[in-house]
C-alpha cells in the first residue's frame, strides 16, 4: 500500500532521485518538486486520472490526498498527485 498520513517522527519529507536529494516545499506534489529541480516527467492531468506520470517508487511511502483514478501498482507512484511521507526514492533521472 502506498498511502500514509504522517511522516516518521523527525524525518522531513524528501525526494531522492538518481541525481540527488530534493526537498519539497510544504503542500507541493512530488511532480512539482521534480519540475522545480529541472526533472522532466510526462504528465497530462495533474490529478491522478490518466496515469501518464507513473514512476517507479524504489523506497518509502507517498500520500494521496484523494484516491487516484489511475491504477497504481505496488512499487509505483503518481507524482502529479502525491506527497512524500518522510523520505522516498524514485527511479528517475533529469533529462
N, C-alpha and C. Protein backbone atom coordinates (compact mmCIF):
# COMPACT_ATOMS: atom_id res chain seq x y z
N UNK A 1 0.84 -1.18 0.00
CA UNK A 1 0.00 0.00 0.00
C UNK A 1 0.88 1.24 0.00
N UNK A 2 0.50 2.27 -0.73
CA UNK A 2 1.33 3.45 -0.91
C UNK A 2 0.83 4.66 -0.15
N UNK A 3 -0.10 4.53 0.74
CA UNK A 3 -0.62 5.71 1.40
C UNK A 3 -0.27 5.70 2.87
N UNK A 4 -0.14 6.87 3.41
CA UNK A 4 0.10 7.06 4.84
C UNK A 4 -0.30 8.48 5.17
N UNK A 5 -0.45 8.77 6.44
CA UNK A 5 -0.92 10.10 6.78
C UNK A 5 0.14 10.96 7.43
N UNK A 6 1.14 10.37 8.06
CA UNK A 6 2.16 11.18 8.72
C UNK A 6 3.54 10.65 8.40
N UNK A 7 4.52 11.55 8.47
CA UNK A 7 5.91 11.15 8.25
C UNK A 7 6.45 10.51 9.51
N UNK A 8 7.42 9.60 9.37
CA UNK A 8 8.06 9.06 10.56
C UNK A 8 8.59 10.22 11.40
N UNK A 9 8.46 10.10 12.70
CA UNK A 9 8.83 11.20 13.59
C UNK A 9 10.26 11.67 13.32
N UNK A 10 10.41 12.98 13.14
CA UNK A 10 11.71 13.57 12.93
C UNK A 10 12.25 13.49 11.52
N UNK A 11 11.53 12.88 10.61
CA UNK A 11 12.02 12.74 9.24
C UNK A 11 11.29 13.72 8.33
N UNK A 12 12.01 14.71 7.82
CA UNK A 12 11.41 15.69 6.91
C UNK A 12 11.16 15.05 5.55
N UNK A 13 10.11 15.48 4.86
CA UNK A 13 9.87 14.94 3.52
C UNK A 13 11.05 15.24 2.60
N UNK A 14 11.42 14.26 1.81
CA UNK A 14 12.45 14.46 0.79
C UNK A 14 12.23 13.47 -0.33
N UNK A 15 12.70 13.85 -1.51
CA UNK A 15 12.57 13.03 -2.71
C UNK A 15 13.97 12.75 -3.22
N UNK A 16 14.37 11.49 -3.18
CA UNK A 16 15.68 11.11 -3.72
C UNK A 16 15.48 10.59 -5.13
N UNK A 17 16.27 11.14 -6.06
CA UNK A 17 16.26 10.67 -7.44
C UNK A 17 17.64 10.11 -7.75
N UNK A 18 17.84 9.66 -8.96
CA UNK A 18 19.16 9.17 -9.37
C UNK A 18 20.17 10.31 -9.46
N UNK A 19 19.68 11.56 -9.38
CA UNK A 19 20.54 12.75 -9.46
C UNK A 19 20.83 13.37 -8.10
N UNK A 20 20.14 12.96 -7.05
CA UNK A 20 20.37 13.54 -5.74
C UNK A 20 19.09 13.67 -4.93
N UNK A 21 19.18 14.39 -3.82
CA UNK A 21 18.06 14.55 -2.89
C UNK A 21 17.42 15.92 -3.09
N UNK A 22 16.09 15.93 -3.20
CA UNK A 22 15.30 17.15 -3.38
C UNK A 22 14.44 17.36 -2.14
N UNK A 23 14.21 18.62 -1.80
CA UNK A 23 13.41 18.95 -0.62
C UNK A 23 12.14 19.66 -1.06
N UNK A 24 10.98 19.02 -0.89
CA UNK A 24 9.72 19.62 -1.31
C UNK A 24 9.33 20.81 -0.45
N UNK A 25 8.63 21.76 -1.06
CA UNK A 25 8.02 22.85 -0.31
C UNK A 25 6.73 22.32 0.31
N UNK A 26 6.26 22.91 1.41
CA UNK A 26 5.01 22.45 2.03
C UNK A 26 3.85 22.48 1.03
N UNK A 27 3.09 21.39 0.99
CA UNK A 27 1.92 21.29 0.12
C UNK A 27 2.23 20.99 -1.33
N UNK A 28 3.49 20.86 -1.68
CA UNK A 28 3.90 20.64 -3.06
C UNK A 28 3.80 19.15 -3.42
N UNK A 29 3.29 18.86 -4.62
CA UNK A 29 3.26 17.47 -5.07
C UNK A 29 4.68 17.03 -5.44
N UNK A 30 4.87 15.73 -5.53
CA UNK A 30 6.16 15.20 -5.96
C UNK A 30 6.50 15.72 -7.35
N UNK A 31 5.51 15.79 -8.24
CA UNK A 31 5.75 16.31 -9.59
C UNK A 31 6.24 17.76 -9.54
N UNK A 32 5.62 18.59 -8.72
CA UNK A 32 6.04 19.99 -8.60
C UNK A 32 7.47 20.09 -8.08
N UNK A 33 7.82 19.24 -7.13
CA UNK A 33 9.19 19.22 -6.61
C UNK A 33 10.16 18.83 -7.72
N UNK A 34 9.84 17.79 -8.46
CA UNK A 34 10.71 17.34 -9.55
C UNK A 34 10.87 18.43 -10.60
N UNK A 35 9.78 19.07 -10.99
CA UNK A 35 9.84 20.13 -12.00
C UNK A 35 10.68 21.31 -11.52
N UNK A 36 10.51 21.68 -10.27
CA UNK A 36 11.25 22.81 -9.70
C UNK A 36 12.76 22.57 -9.74
N UNK A 37 13.15 21.31 -9.72
CA UNK A 37 14.57 20.95 -9.74
C UNK A 37 15.04 20.50 -11.12
N UNK A 38 14.26 20.77 -12.15
CA UNK A 38 14.70 20.52 -13.52
C UNK A 38 14.45 19.14 -14.08
N UNK A 39 13.67 18.32 -13.40
CA UNK A 39 13.35 17.00 -13.93
C UNK A 39 12.15 17.12 -14.88
N UNK A 40 12.19 16.35 -15.95
CA UNK A 40 11.07 16.31 -16.89
C UNK A 40 10.31 15.00 -16.67
N UNK A 41 9.04 15.13 -16.32
CA UNK A 41 8.19 13.96 -16.10
C UNK A 41 6.98 14.11 -17.01
N UNK A 42 6.69 13.08 -17.79
CA UNK A 42 5.49 13.11 -18.62
C UNK A 42 4.26 13.18 -17.72
N UNK A 43 3.31 14.02 -18.07
CA UNK A 43 2.05 14.11 -17.33
C UNK A 43 1.00 14.68 -18.27
N UNK A 44 -0.26 14.52 -17.89
CA UNK A 44 -1.35 15.12 -18.66
C UNK A 44 -2.39 15.75 -17.75
N UNK A 45 -2.68 15.14 -16.62
CA UNK A 45 -3.84 15.60 -15.85
C UNK A 45 -3.52 16.33 -14.55
N UNK A 46 -2.42 16.02 -13.90
CA UNK A 46 -2.04 16.56 -12.59
C UNK A 46 -3.06 16.24 -11.49
N UNK A 47 -3.84 15.18 -11.69
CA UNK A 47 -4.84 14.84 -10.67
C UNK A 47 -4.98 13.33 -10.44
N UNK A 48 -4.11 12.51 -11.02
CA UNK A 48 -4.18 11.07 -10.80
C UNK A 48 -5.21 10.37 -11.66
N UNK A 49 -5.69 11.05 -12.68
CA UNK A 49 -6.73 10.49 -13.55
C UNK A 49 -6.15 9.62 -14.67
N UNK A 50 -5.05 10.08 -15.29
CA UNK A 50 -4.59 9.41 -16.51
C UNK A 50 -3.48 8.39 -16.31
N UNK A 51 -2.65 8.56 -15.30
CA UNK A 51 -1.54 7.64 -15.05
C UNK A 51 -0.32 7.88 -15.91
N UNK A 52 -0.30 8.95 -16.70
CA UNK A 52 0.84 9.22 -17.59
C UNK A 52 2.14 9.45 -16.83
N UNK A 53 2.06 9.92 -15.60
CA UNK A 53 3.27 10.23 -14.82
C UNK A 53 3.77 9.05 -13.99
N UNK A 54 3.16 7.89 -14.11
CA UNK A 54 3.52 6.72 -13.30
C UNK A 54 5.04 6.55 -13.25
N UNK A 55 5.58 6.45 -12.04
CA UNK A 55 7.03 6.41 -11.82
C UNK A 55 7.36 5.32 -10.81
N UNK A 56 8.44 4.57 -11.04
CA UNK A 56 8.85 3.56 -10.05
C UNK A 56 9.21 4.19 -8.70
N UNK A 57 8.61 3.67 -7.64
CA UNK A 57 8.88 4.09 -6.26
C UNK A 57 9.77 3.01 -5.65
N UNK A 58 11.06 3.31 -5.50
CA UNK A 58 12.03 2.32 -5.04
C UNK A 58 12.02 2.14 -3.53
N UNK A 59 11.69 3.20 -2.80
CA UNK A 59 11.68 3.14 -1.34
C UNK A 59 10.80 4.24 -0.79
N UNK A 60 10.22 3.98 0.37
CA UNK A 60 9.40 4.98 1.05
C UNK A 60 7.93 4.87 0.71
N UNK A 61 7.17 5.82 1.25
CA UNK A 61 5.72 5.86 1.06
C UNK A 61 5.30 7.25 0.63
N UNK A 62 4.20 7.29 -0.11
CA UNK A 62 3.61 8.56 -0.52
C UNK A 62 2.18 8.64 -0.02
N UNK A 63 1.68 9.86 0.04
CA UNK A 63 0.31 10.11 0.48
C UNK A 63 -0.47 10.74 -0.67
N UNK A 64 -1.66 10.22 -0.92
CA UNK A 64 -2.57 10.80 -1.90
C UNK A 64 -3.71 11.47 -1.14
N UNK A 65 -3.91 12.77 -1.34
CA UNK A 65 -4.99 13.49 -0.67
C UNK A 65 -6.35 12.92 -1.10
N UNK A 66 -6.45 12.52 -2.35
CA UNK A 66 -7.64 11.86 -2.88
C UNK A 66 -7.17 10.60 -3.61
N UNK A 67 -7.95 9.56 -3.54
CA UNK A 67 -7.58 8.30 -4.20
C UNK A 67 -7.49 8.54 -5.71
N UNK A 68 -6.34 8.24 -6.33
CA UNK A 68 -6.21 8.45 -7.77
C UNK A 68 -7.11 7.49 -8.54
N UNK A 69 -7.62 7.94 -9.67
CA UNK A 69 -8.45 7.08 -10.51
C UNK A 69 -7.60 6.12 -11.34
N UNK A 70 -6.39 6.52 -11.68
CA UNK A 70 -5.48 5.65 -12.42
C UNK A 70 -4.99 4.53 -11.51
N UNK A 71 -4.77 3.36 -12.08
CA UNK A 71 -4.29 2.22 -11.32
C UNK A 71 -2.84 2.45 -10.92
N UNK A 72 -2.51 2.17 -9.66
CA UNK A 72 -1.15 2.30 -9.15
C UNK A 72 -0.73 0.96 -8.57
N UNK A 73 0.27 0.34 -9.16
CA UNK A 73 0.77 -0.95 -8.67
C UNK A 73 1.72 -0.76 -7.50
N UNK A 74 1.95 -1.83 -6.77
CA UNK A 74 2.98 -1.83 -5.73
C UNK A 74 4.30 -1.42 -6.37
N UNK A 75 5.04 -0.54 -5.73
CA UNK A 75 6.32 -0.11 -6.27
C UNK A 75 6.22 1.01 -7.29
N UNK A 76 5.07 1.67 -7.37
CA UNK A 76 4.86 2.80 -8.27
C UNK A 76 4.21 3.94 -7.51
N UNK A 77 4.30 5.14 -8.09
CA UNK A 77 3.53 6.27 -7.57
C UNK A 77 3.14 7.16 -8.74
N UNK A 78 2.18 8.03 -8.49
CA UNK A 78 1.76 9.05 -9.45
C UNK A 78 2.23 10.40 -8.90
N UNK A 79 3.39 10.88 -9.34
CA UNK A 79 3.96 12.11 -8.78
C UNK A 79 3.05 13.33 -8.89
N UNK A 80 2.13 13.34 -9.85
CA UNK A 80 1.29 14.51 -10.05
C UNK A 80 0.35 14.78 -8.89
N UNK A 81 0.05 13.76 -8.10
CA UNK A 81 -0.99 13.94 -7.08
C UNK A 81 -0.61 13.35 -5.72
N UNK A 82 0.67 13.13 -5.49
CA UNK A 82 1.08 12.59 -4.19
C UNK A 82 2.15 13.46 -3.56
N UNK A 83 2.31 13.24 -2.26
CA UNK A 83 3.35 13.92 -1.50
C UNK A 83 4.15 12.85 -0.76
N UNK A 84 5.45 13.09 -0.56
CA UNK A 84 6.25 12.09 0.16
C UNK A 84 5.90 12.06 1.64
N UNK A 85 5.93 10.87 2.20
CA UNK A 85 5.79 10.69 3.65
C UNK A 85 7.20 10.35 4.13
N UNK A 86 7.87 11.32 4.68
CA UNK A 86 9.28 11.14 5.03
C UNK A 86 10.10 11.12 3.75
N UNK A 87 11.08 10.23 3.69
CA UNK A 87 11.96 10.15 2.53
C UNK A 87 11.45 9.09 1.56
N UNK A 88 11.46 9.44 0.27
CA UNK A 88 11.13 8.47 -0.78
C UNK A 88 12.28 8.44 -1.78
N UNK A 89 12.36 7.35 -2.52
CA UNK A 89 13.37 7.21 -3.57
C UNK A 89 12.67 6.82 -4.85
N UNK A 90 12.91 7.60 -5.91
CA UNK A 90 12.29 7.35 -7.21
C UNK A 90 13.34 6.94 -8.23
N UNK A 91 12.93 6.08 -9.15
CA UNK A 91 13.80 5.68 -10.26
C UNK A 91 13.60 6.67 -11.39
N UNK A 92 14.22 7.85 -11.25
CA UNK A 92 14.07 8.90 -12.25
C UNK A 92 15.35 9.72 -12.29
N UNK A 93 15.67 10.19 -13.49
CA UNK A 93 16.88 10.99 -13.71
C UNK A 93 16.49 12.21 -14.56
N UNK A 94 17.21 13.32 -14.37
CA UNK A 94 16.97 14.51 -15.19
C UNK A 94 17.17 14.16 -16.65
N UNK A 95 16.37 14.85 -17.49
CA UNK A 95 16.58 14.66 -18.92
C UNK A 95 15.44 14.19 -19.63
